[in-house]
Amino acid sequence: MNARKALGLALLTAGLLLTAADRSVGQAKKSNSVGKAKAEAGKVGADGKQVVTITLDVDPKFHIYANPVGNDDFSSNETSVSITSKTKLGGVKVEYPAGKVKKDKVLGDYKIYQGKVTLKATVTRAKGDTGPLAVVIKVQACDDSRCLEPAKITLTVP
């Protein structure tokens, strides 16, 4: 690791420590507080497949990490979606849009989502399963000076 990258990681770690210290004084702001999320499910097809469309609307002052993020140092921060049902699903395939490249001379370039982002998941359901789906979106939001605590957004779709 080169010196600039090490310095950048040290600064990021210091910021995270300050965020943790902030929590002891008051409630630290979480990433799910800087945007809105909604999910809509299409009809279940004869083949058991159902499309779930997830829309994230991120505050313009912030970004969330794309999936894939394109930088190994941020892989644990990338946006991810999981979908479950009371009945075991045959599979879930999530299509993530391409992120916008954020240039960073210290930490290296990485990809982000800003503003409105649409994710599509194709779920394979068991025969006859029409129960609700639990959609969990993991996000990490940052602005130009700080990162908020990672958070999960949980939604239910019929």
Protein backbone atom coordinates (compact mmCIF):
# COMPACT_ATOMS: atom_id res chain seq x y z
CA MET A 1 0.00 0.00 0.00
CA ASN A 2 1.46 3.38 -0.95
CA ALA A 3 1.86 6.18 1.60
CA ARG A 4 -1.00 8.31 0.25
CA LYS A 5 -3.42 5.42 0.38
CA ALA A 6 -2.28 4.55 3.92
CA LEU A 7 -2.81 8.17 4.98
CA GLY A 8 -6.28 8.15 3.40
CA LEU A 9 -7.21 4.95 5.21
CA ALA A 10 -5.90 6.42 8.48
CA LEU A 11 -8.06 9.52 7.97
CA LEU A 12 -11.10 7.36 7.16
CA THR A 13 -10.46 5.29 10.30
CA ALA A 14 -10.14 8.47 12.37
CA GLY A 15 -13.46 9.67 10.95
CA LEU A 16 -15.12 6.40 11.85
CA LEU A 17 -13.69 6.62 15.38
CA LEU A 18 -15.06 10.15 15.70
CA THR A 19 -18.44 8.88 14.54
CA ALA A 20 -18.29 6.17 17.20
CA ALA A 21 -17.32 8.76 19.81
CA ASP A 22 -20.25 10.89 18.63
CA ARG A 23 -22.54 7.99 19.48
CA SER A 24 -21.49 8.14 23.13
CA VAL A 25 -22.51 11.82 23.29
CA GLY A 26 -25.69 11.48 21.22
CA GLN A 27 -27.25 9.24 18.65
CA ALA A 28 -25.03 9.04 15.56
CA LYS A 29 -26.81 9.65 12.29
CA LYS A 30 -27.39 6.49 10.28
CA SER A 31 -27.18 6.08 6.52
CA ASN A 32 -30.90 5.30 6.20
CA SER A 33 -31.72 8.83 7.39
CA VAL A 34 -30.56 10.56 4.19
CA GLY A 35 -32.92 9.10 1.66
CA LYS A 36 -36.11 7.25 0.94
CA ALA A 37 -36.67 3.75 -0.34
CA LYS A 38 -39.65 1.95 -1.83
CA ALA A 39 -40.20 -1.47 -3.35
CA GLU A 40 -42.88 -2.67 -5.72
CA ALA A 41 -43.51 -6.25 -6.78
CA GLY A 42 -44.91 -7.31 -10.11
CA LYS A 43 -47.20 -10.30 -10.55
CA VAL A 44 -45.86 -13.80 -10.08
CA GLY A 45 -45.48 -15.42 -13.49
CA ALA A 46 -46.49 -18.95 -14.44
CA ASP A 47 -42.80 -19.87 -14.11
CA GLY A 48 -42.77 -18.61 -10.49
CA LYS A 49 -40.64 -15.58 -11.32
CA GLN A 50 -41.52 -12.19 -9.87
CA VAL A 51 -39.77 -8.86 -10.46
CA VAL A 52 -39.25 -6.55 -7.49
CA THR A 53 -38.30 -2.97 -8.34
CA ILE A 54 -36.48 -1.08 -5.60
CA THR A 55 -36.13 2.69 -5.84
CA LEU A 56 -33.70 4.60 -3.67
CA ASP A 57 -33.84 8.39 -3.54
CA VAL A 58 -30.63 9.65 -1.90
CA ASP A 59 -30.33 13.19 -0.51
CA PRO A 60 -28.33 15.21 -3.12
CA LYS A 61 -25.70 16.13 -0.50
CA PHE A 62 -24.83 12.44 -0.04
CA HIS A 63 -23.87 9.38 -2.05
CA ILE A 64 -24.05 5.66 -1.33
CA TYR A 65 -21.54 3.11 -2.55
CA ALA A 66 -22.39 1.31 -5.80
CA ASN A 67 -22.41 -2.44 -6.34
CA PRO A 68 -19.84 -3.31 -7.44
CA VAL A 69 -17.95 -0.44 -5.83
CA GLY A 70 -14.83 -1.04 -7.94
CA ASN A 71 -12.35 -0.60 -5.07
CA ASP A 72 -11.48 -3.48 -2.73
CA ASP A 73 -11.04 -1.09 0.21
CA PHE A 74 -14.76 -0.22 0.02
CA SER A 75 -16.22 -3.65 -0.84
CA SER A 76 -17.88 -3.99 2.58
CA ASN A 77 -19.64 -0.64 2.02
CA GLU A 78 -21.32 -1.45 -1.30
CA THR A 79 -25.10 -1.32 -1.53
CA SER A 80 -26.68 -4.77 -1.37
CA VAL A 81 -30.19 -6.20 -1.48
CA SER A 82 -31.50 -9.42 0.02
CA ILE A 83 -35.04 -10.74 -0.33
CA THR A 84 -36.67 -13.45 1.75
CA SER A 85 -40.07 -15.05 2.13
CA LYS A 86 -41.69 -17.31 4.71
CA THR A 87 -41.58 -19.95 1.98
CA LYS A 88 -38.07 -20.74 0.76
CA LEU A 89 -37.26 -18.90 -2.47
CA GLY A 90 -35.77 -20.73 -5.42
CA GLY A 91 -33.38 -17.85 -6.05
CA VAL A 92 -32.89 -14.10 -6.07
CA LYS A 93 -30.97 -12.28 -8.79
CA VAL A 94 -30.38 -8.56 -8.26
CA GLU A 95 -29.43 -6.23 -11.12
CA TYR A 96 -27.44 -3.25 -9.84
CA PRO A 97 -27.02 -0.24 -12.14
CA ALA A 98 -23.55 0.96 -13.06
CA GLY A 99 -22.31 3.50 -10.56
CA LYS A 100 -20.74 6.87 -11.26
CA VAL A 101 -16.95 6.93 -10.81
CA LYS A 102 -15.82 9.08 -7.90
CA LYS A 103 -12.20 10.17 -8.37
CA ASP A 104 -10.07 10.04 -5.22
CA LYS A 105 -6.33 10.67 -5.47
CA VAL A 106 -5.71 9.37 -1.96
CA LEU A 107 -7.92 6.28 -1.63
CA GLY A 108 -8.29 5.40 -5.29
CA ASP A 109 -11.34 5.70 -7.51
CA TYR A 110 -14.61 4.00 -6.59
CA LYS A 111 -18.21 3.94 -7.82
CA ILE A 112 -21.21 5.59 -6.17
CA TYR A 113 -24.94 6.12 -6.57
CA GLN A 114 -26.42 9.59 -6.22
CA GLY A 115 -29.98 10.86 -6.43
CA LYS A 116 -32.57 8.39 -7.69
CA VAL A 117 -31.38 4.81 -8.20
CA THR A 118 -33.43 1.85 -9.41
CA LEU A 119 -32.48 -1.74 -8.63
CA LYS A 120 -34.30 -4.77 -10.05
CA ALA A 121 -34.49 -8.16 -8.44
CA THR A 122 -35.94 -11.28 -9.99
CA VAL A 123 -37.23 -13.71 -7.40
CA THR A 124 -38.10 -17.35 -8.10
CA ARG A 125 -40.96 -18.38 -5.84
CA ALA A 126 -42.22 -21.80 -4.85
CA LYS A 127 -45.36 -22.99 -6.63
CA GLY A 128 -48.40 -21.29 -5.10
CA ASP A 129 -46.35 -18.89 -2.94
CA THR A 130 -47.91 -15.44 -3.07
CA GLY A 131 -47.00 -14.30 0.46
CA PRO A 132 -45.23 -11.04 1.26
CA LEU A 133 -41.53 -10.59 0.59
CA ALA A 134 -39.07 -8.96 3.01
CA VAL A 135 -36.64 -6.68 1.18
CA VAL A 136 -33.51 -5.60 3.07
CA ILE A 137 -31.23 -2.95 1.54
CA LYS A 138 -27.82 -2.38 3.13
CA VAL A 139 -26.39 1.11 2.51
CA GLN A 140 -23.54 3.36 3.61
CA ALA A 141 -23.98 7.08 2.94
CA CYS A 142 -21.21 9.67 2.83
CA ASP A 143 -20.84 13.31 1.90
CA ASP A 144 -17.60 15.10 1.05
CA SER A 145 -16.43 15.24 4.66
CA ARG A 146 -17.89 12.26 6.56
CA CYS A 147 -19.54 8.89 6.36
CA LEU A 148 -22.64 8.00 8.31
CA GLU A 149 -23.12 4.75 10.17
CA PRO A 150 -24.05 1.87 7.83
CA ALA A 151 -27.73 0.95 7.96
CA LYS A 152 -30.30 -1.52 6.71
CA ILE A 153 -33.60 -0.43 5.21
CA THR A 154 -36.31 -3.07 5.56
CA LEU A 155 -39.40 -3.03 3.34
CA THR A 156 -42.23 -5.47 2.78
CA VAL A 157 -43.94 -6.03 -0.55
CA PRO A 158 -47.11 -8.04 -1.11
